[in-house]
Amino acid sequence: MPKDANAGDFVATVAGGVAAPRYVDGKTSLSEWRSTIRHRPAPWAEIENSKVILTVPSTYVRDLDDPAALMAGVGQDLGPGDGIRRPSQGARAARAPAAGRADECGRVQHAGFPS
């Protein structure tokens, strides 16, 4: 759909959807993450902070006890000149899908963003 197009109001129905694991740094409680959220059945999970949204296979987060620690590391790695950053205040964080294969330790290998 063109950027300046106006589709007007419409009703959409979603059938067969399942809940996905999603952790939002600073909003999702660790107790809720550990007890419920990381076990949701969707095939993909998202872990996000104000700088980046990581999209990974859900199986990678089933045993992740502390996504806050993971995102703190991501925050340290992504500085203002790293290319994956919020372009302006109020804009959504950059999305970094983990498209690729897992290495021998189970980590996702990613060639860069956008892919």
N, C-alpha and C. Protein backbone atom coordinates (compact mmCIF):
# COMPACT_ATOMS: atom_id res chain seq x y z
N MET A 1 0.85 -1.16 0.00
CA MET A 1 0.00 0.00 0.00
C MET A 1 0.90 1.23 0.00
N PRO A 2 0.67 2.20 -0.87
CA PRO A 2 1.50 3.40 -0.89
C PRO A 2 1.47 4.14 0.44
N LYS A 3 2.58 4.79 0.76
CA LYS A 3 2.73 5.48 2.04
C LYS A 3 1.62 6.50 2.29
N ASP A 4 1.20 7.22 1.27
CA ASP A 4 0.21 8.28 1.46
C ASP A 4 -1.23 7.81 1.20
N ALA A 5 -1.44 6.52 0.98
CA ALA A 5 -2.78 5.99 0.72
C ALA A 5 -3.59 5.96 2.02
N ASN A 6 -4.90 6.09 1.89
CA ASN A 6 -5.80 6.03 3.02
C ASN A 6 -6.76 4.86 2.81
N ALA A 7 -6.57 3.80 3.60
CA ALA A 7 -7.41 2.61 3.44
C ALA A 7 -8.77 2.80 4.08
N GLY A 8 -8.92 3.80 4.92
CA GLY A 8 -10.19 4.00 5.61
C GLY A 8 -10.33 3.00 6.75
N ASP A 9 -11.46 3.01 7.40
CA ASP A 9 -11.72 2.08 8.49
C ASP A 9 -12.06 0.70 7.94
N PHE A 10 -11.63 -0.32 8.64
CA PHE A 10 -11.97 -1.68 8.26
C PHE A 10 -11.91 -2.58 9.48
N VAL A 11 -12.54 -3.71 9.40
CA VAL A 11 -12.54 -4.70 10.48
C VAL A 11 -11.73 -5.89 10.00
N ALA A 12 -10.82 -6.36 10.85
CA ALA A 12 -10.01 -7.53 10.52
C ALA A 12 -10.26 -8.61 11.56
N THR A 13 -10.33 -9.84 11.12
CA THR A 13 -10.51 -10.97 12.01
C THR A 13 -9.28 -11.86 11.92
N VAL A 14 -8.72 -12.19 13.05
CA VAL A 14 -7.56 -13.07 13.10
C VAL A 14 -8.03 -14.40 13.66
N ALA A 15 -7.75 -15.47 12.94
CA ALA A 15 -8.14 -16.80 13.39
C ALA A 15 -6.89 -17.66 13.53
N GLY A 16 -6.85 -18.48 14.54
CA GLY A 16 -5.74 -19.42 14.71
C GLY A 16 -4.48 -18.78 15.28
N GLY A 17 -4.57 -17.55 15.76
CA GLY A 17 -3.40 -16.89 16.34
C GLY A 17 -3.04 -17.49 17.70
N VAL A 18 -1.77 -17.45 18.03
CA VAL A 18 -1.30 -17.91 19.34
C VAL A 18 -0.44 -16.83 19.96
N ALA A 19 -0.39 -16.81 21.26
CA ALA A 19 0.41 -15.82 21.98
C ALA A 19 1.89 -16.11 21.79
N ALA A 20 2.66 -15.04 21.65
CA ALA A 20 4.11 -15.16 21.47
C ALA A 20 4.84 -14.66 22.71
N PRO A 21 5.99 -15.24 23.01
CA PRO A 21 6.81 -14.70 24.08
C PRO A 21 7.31 -13.31 23.69
N ARG A 22 7.10 -12.32 24.55
CA ARG A 22 7.58 -10.96 24.28
C ARG A 22 8.00 -10.33 25.59
N TYR A 23 9.26 -9.91 25.64
CA TYR A 23 9.80 -9.23 26.81
C TYR A 23 10.11 -7.80 26.42
N VAL A 24 9.59 -6.83 27.18
CA VAL A 24 9.88 -5.42 26.97
C VAL A 24 10.65 -4.94 28.19
N ASP A 25 11.91 -4.57 27.98
CA ASP A 25 12.77 -4.15 29.07
C ASP A 25 12.17 -2.96 29.81
N GLY A 26 12.06 -3.08 31.12
CA GLY A 26 11.51 -2.01 31.94
C GLY A 26 10.00 -2.09 32.12
N LYS A 27 9.34 -2.98 31.38
CA LYS A 27 7.88 -3.13 31.50
C LYS A 27 7.48 -4.53 31.92
N THR A 28 8.13 -5.55 31.38
CA THR A 28 7.77 -6.94 31.69
C THR A 28 8.46 -7.36 32.98
N SER A 29 7.70 -7.90 33.94
CA SER A 29 8.32 -8.35 35.19
C SER A 29 9.03 -9.69 34.97
N LEU A 30 10.14 -9.87 35.65
CA LEU A 30 10.88 -11.13 35.53
C LEU A 30 10.06 -12.31 36.03
N SER A 31 9.26 -12.11 37.08
CA SER A 31 8.46 -13.22 37.59
C SER A 31 7.42 -13.66 36.57
N GLU A 32 6.78 -12.70 35.89
CA GLU A 32 5.79 -13.05 34.87
C GLU A 32 6.49 -13.70 33.66
N TRP A 33 7.66 -13.17 33.29
CA TRP A 33 8.45 -13.76 32.20
C TRP A 33 8.75 -15.23 32.50
N ARG A 34 9.29 -15.49 33.69
CA ARG A 34 9.72 -16.84 34.06
C ARG A 34 8.56 -17.82 34.20
N SER A 35 7.44 -17.35 34.74
CA SER A 35 6.33 -18.27 35.02
C SER A 35 5.42 -18.50 33.82
N THR A 36 5.27 -17.50 32.95
CA THR A 36 4.26 -17.60 31.90
C THR A 36 4.76 -17.23 30.51
N ILE A 37 5.26 -16.02 30.37
CA ILE A 37 5.48 -15.44 29.05
C ILE A 37 6.44 -16.25 28.18
N ARG A 38 7.56 -16.68 28.73
CA ARG A 38 8.55 -17.40 27.89
C ARG A 38 8.05 -18.76 27.41
N HIS A 39 6.96 -19.24 27.97
CA HIS A 39 6.41 -20.55 27.59
C HIS A 39 5.28 -20.44 26.56
N ARG A 40 4.97 -19.24 26.10
CA ARG A 40 3.90 -19.07 25.11
C ARG A 40 4.25 -19.84 23.83
N PRO A 41 3.24 -20.35 23.11
CA PRO A 41 3.48 -21.34 22.06
C PRO A 41 3.89 -20.84 20.67
N ALA A 42 3.88 -19.55 20.41
CA ALA A 42 4.20 -19.07 19.06
C ALA A 42 5.63 -19.46 18.68
N PRO A 43 5.91 -19.60 17.39
CA PRO A 43 7.24 -20.03 16.96
C PRO A 43 8.32 -18.97 17.08
N TRP A 44 7.96 -17.69 17.22
CA TRP A 44 8.95 -16.62 17.32
C TRP A 44 8.75 -15.83 18.59
N ALA A 45 9.83 -15.34 19.17
CA ALA A 45 9.80 -14.53 20.38
C ALA A 45 10.46 -13.18 20.09
N GLU A 46 10.06 -12.18 20.85
CA GLU A 46 10.69 -10.88 20.75
C GLU A 46 11.15 -10.41 22.11
N ILE A 47 12.37 -9.87 22.14
CA ILE A 47 12.96 -9.30 23.34
C ILE A 47 13.40 -7.91 22.95
N GLU A 48 12.91 -6.90 23.66
CA GLU A 48 13.20 -5.54 23.21
C GLU A 48 13.57 -4.59 24.33
N ASN A 49 14.35 -3.57 23.93
CA ASN A 49 14.61 -2.41 24.77
C ASN A 49 14.40 -1.18 23.90
N SER A 50 14.82 -0.03 24.35
CA SER A 50 14.56 1.20 23.59
C SER A 50 15.41 1.30 22.33
N LYS A 51 16.44 0.44 22.19
CA LYS A 51 17.34 0.53 21.05
C LYS A 51 17.10 -0.52 19.98
N VAL A 52 16.65 -1.70 20.38
CA VAL A 52 16.55 -2.79 19.41
C VAL A 52 15.48 -3.79 19.84
N ILE A 53 14.89 -4.45 18.87
CA ILE A 53 13.97 -5.56 19.11
C ILE A 53 14.60 -6.80 18.49
N LEU A 54 14.90 -7.78 19.33
CA LEU A 54 15.47 -9.03 18.83
C LEU A 54 14.34 -10.02 18.58
N THR A 55 14.28 -10.56 17.39
CA THR A 55 13.28 -11.56 17.04
C THR A 55 14.01 -12.88 16.83
N VAL A 56 13.70 -13.87 17.65
CA VAL A 56 14.41 -15.15 17.63
C VAL A 56 13.40 -16.30 17.70
N PRO A 57 13.81 -17.50 17.31
CA PRO A 57 12.93 -18.65 17.51
C PRO A 57 12.57 -18.78 19.00
N SER A 58 11.33 -19.08 19.30
CA SER A 58 10.88 -19.18 20.69
C SER A 58 11.66 -20.19 21.51
N THR A 59 12.15 -21.23 20.87
CA THR A 59 12.91 -22.24 21.60
C THR A 59 14.15 -21.63 22.26
N TYR A 60 14.66 -20.52 21.72
CA TYR A 60 15.85 -19.88 22.27
C TYR A 60 15.58 -19.16 23.58
N VAL A 61 14.32 -18.84 23.89
CA VAL A 61 14.01 -18.09 25.11
C VAL A 61 13.40 -18.96 26.21
N ARG A 62 13.11 -20.20 25.93
CA ARG A 62 12.45 -21.05 26.93
C ARG A 62 13.25 -21.16 28.23
N ASP A 63 14.57 -21.16 28.14
CA ASP A 63 15.42 -21.26 29.32
C ASP A 63 16.10 -19.94 29.68
N LEU A 64 15.69 -18.85 29.06
CA LEU A 64 16.28 -17.54 29.35
C LEU A 64 15.65 -16.99 30.62
N ASP A 65 16.41 -17.02 31.72
CA ASP A 65 15.89 -16.58 33.01
C ASP A 65 15.91 -15.07 33.20
N ASP A 66 16.87 -14.39 32.57
CA ASP A 66 17.01 -12.96 32.83
C ASP A 66 17.19 -12.16 31.54
N PRO A 67 16.10 -11.90 30.82
CA PRO A 67 16.22 -11.12 29.59
C PRO A 67 16.69 -9.68 29.86
N ALA A 68 16.49 -9.18 31.08
CA ALA A 68 16.97 -7.83 31.40
C ALA A 68 18.50 -7.77 31.31
N ALA A 69 19.17 -8.80 31.78
CA ALA A 69 20.63 -8.84 31.70
C ALA A 69 21.09 -8.91 30.24
N LEU A 70 20.38 -9.70 29.44
CA LEU A 70 20.70 -9.78 28.02
C LEU A 70 20.56 -8.41 27.36
N MET A 71 19.46 -7.71 27.62
CA MET A 71 19.22 -6.42 26.99
C MET A 71 20.15 -5.34 27.52
N ALA A 72 20.63 -5.47 28.75
CA ALA A 72 21.62 -4.52 29.26
C ALA A 72 22.90 -4.64 28.44
N GLY A 73 23.27 -5.87 28.08
CA GLY A 73 24.44 -6.09 27.24
C GLY A 73 24.24 -5.52 25.85
N VAL A 74 23.05 -5.68 25.30
CA VAL A 74 22.76 -5.13 23.98
C VAL A 74 22.83 -3.62 24.04
N GLY A 75 22.34 -3.04 25.11
CA GLY A 75 22.38 -1.59 25.25
C GLY A 75 23.80 -1.05 25.31
N GLN A 76 24.72 -1.80 25.94
CA GLN A 76 26.11 -1.37 26.00
C GLN A 76 26.77 -1.46 24.64
N ASP A 77 26.39 -2.45 23.85
CA ASP A 77 27.01 -2.67 22.55
C ASP A 77 26.54 -1.68 21.50
N LEU A 78 25.36 -1.12 21.66
CA LEU A 78 24.80 -0.24 20.64
C LEU A 78 24.92 1.21 21.07
N GLY A 79 25.92 1.86 20.54
CA GLY A 79 26.12 3.28 20.81
C GLY A 79 25.54 4.13 19.71
N PRO A 80 25.68 5.44 19.79
CA PRO A 80 25.06 6.32 18.82
C PRO A 80 25.56 6.15 17.39
N GLY A 81 26.75 5.60 17.18
CA GLY A 81 27.27 5.45 15.83
C GLY A 81 27.16 4.06 15.27
N ASP A 82 26.41 3.19 15.90
CA ASP A 82 26.38 1.79 15.49
C ASP A 82 25.41 1.46 14.37
N GLY A 83 24.58 2.38 13.96
CA GLY A 83 23.71 2.13 12.83
C GLY A 83 22.35 1.55 13.18
N ILE A 84 22.23 0.83 14.27
CA ILE A 84 20.92 0.34 14.72
C ILE A 84 20.53 1.21 15.90
N ARG A 85 19.74 2.20 15.62
CA ARG A 85 19.34 3.12 16.69
C ARG A 85 18.00 3.76 16.35
N ARG A 86 17.44 4.37 17.32
CA ARG A 86 16.17 5.07 17.11
C ARG A 86 16.47 6.35 16.32
N PRO A 87 15.80 6.54 15.19
CA PRO A 87 16.07 7.72 14.38
C PRO A 87 15.59 9.02 15.02
N SER A 88 14.55 8.97 15.82
CA SER A 88 14.05 10.17 16.46
C SER A 88 13.23 9.79 17.68
N GLN A 89 13.02 10.74 18.55
CA GLN A 89 12.23 10.48 19.75
C GLN A 89 10.83 10.02 19.35
N GLY A 90 10.33 9.00 19.98
CA GLY A 90 9.00 8.49 19.69
C GLY A 90 8.97 7.45 18.59
N ALA A 91 10.08 7.27 17.89
CA ALA A 91 10.12 6.26 16.84
C ALA A 91 10.31 4.89 17.46
N ARG A 92 9.87 3.86 16.78
CA ARG A 92 10.02 2.50 17.27
C ARG A 92 11.48 2.05 17.14
N ALA A 93 11.91 1.21 18.05
CA ALA A 93 13.27 0.70 18.01
C ALA A 93 13.51 -0.09 16.73
N ALA A 94 14.76 -0.17 16.33
CA ALA A 94 15.11 -0.94 15.14
C ALA A 94 14.84 -2.42 15.38
N ARG A 95 14.39 -3.10 14.36
CA ARG A 95 14.08 -4.52 14.46
C ARG A 95 15.26 -5.30 13.92
N ALA A 96 15.74 -6.27 14.70
CA ALA A 96 16.87 -7.09 14.29
C ALA A 96 16.47 -8.55 14.30
N PRO A 97 15.89 -9.04 13.20
CA PRO A 97 15.49 -10.45 13.17
C PRO A 97 16.71 -11.35 13.12
N ALA A 98 16.64 -12.43 13.83
CA ALA A 98 17.74 -13.39 13.83
C ALA A 98 17.50 -14.39 12.71
N ALA A 99 17.76 -13.94 11.50
CA ALA A 99 17.59 -14.82 10.35
C ALA A 99 18.92 -15.50 10.10
N GLY A 100 18.95 -16.75 10.18
CA GLY A 100 20.20 -17.48 10.01
C GLY A 100 20.12 -18.80 10.71
N ARG A 101 21.26 -19.29 11.07
CA ARG A 101 21.30 -20.60 11.72
C ARG A 101 21.96 -20.47 13.08
N ALA A 102 21.71 -21.43 13.92
CA ALA A 102 22.34 -21.44 15.23
C ALA A 102 23.72 -22.07 15.11
N ASP A 103 24.68 -21.52 15.87
CA ASP A 103 26.00 -22.13 15.87
C ASP A 103 26.01 -23.32 16.83
N GLU A 104 27.16 -23.91 17.04
CA GLU A 104 27.24 -25.12 17.86
C GLU A 104 26.88 -24.90 19.33
N CYS A 105 26.87 -23.63 19.77
CA CYS A 105 26.49 -23.32 21.15
C CYS A 105 25.03 -22.90 21.26
N GLY A 106 24.31 -22.89 20.12
CA GLY A 106 22.89 -22.53 20.15
C GLY A 106 22.65 -21.06 19.95
N ARG A 107 23.70 -20.27 19.71
CA ARG A 107 23.52 -18.84 19.47
C ARG A 107 23.14 -18.60 18.02
N VAL A 108 22.33 -17.58 17.81
CA VAL A 108 21.92 -17.25 16.44
C VAL A 108 23.03 -16.44 15.78
N GLN A 109 23.37 -16.81 14.56
CA GLN A 109 24.34 -16.05 13.79
C GLN A 109 23.57 -15.09 12.91
N HIS A 110 23.99 -13.85 12.90
CA HIS A 110 23.26 -12.85 12.12
C HIS A 110 24.27 -12.00 11.34
N ALA A 111 24.03 -11.79 10.06
CA ALA A 111 24.95 -11.09 9.21
C ALA A 111 24.81 -9.57 9.31
N GLY A 112 23.75 -9.10 9.88
CA GLY A 112 23.57 -7.66 10.01
C GLY A 112 22.13 -7.27 9.79
N PHE A 113 21.85 -5.97 9.86
CA PHE A 113 20.51 -5.46 9.71
C PHE A 113 20.54 -4.29 8.76
N PRO A 114 19.66 -4.09 7.85
CA PRO A 114 18.56 -5.02 7.57
C PRO A 114 19.04 -6.21 6.79
N SER A 115 18.27 -7.28 6.87
CA SER A 115 18.67 -8.50 6.18
C SER A 115 17.87 -8.66 4.90
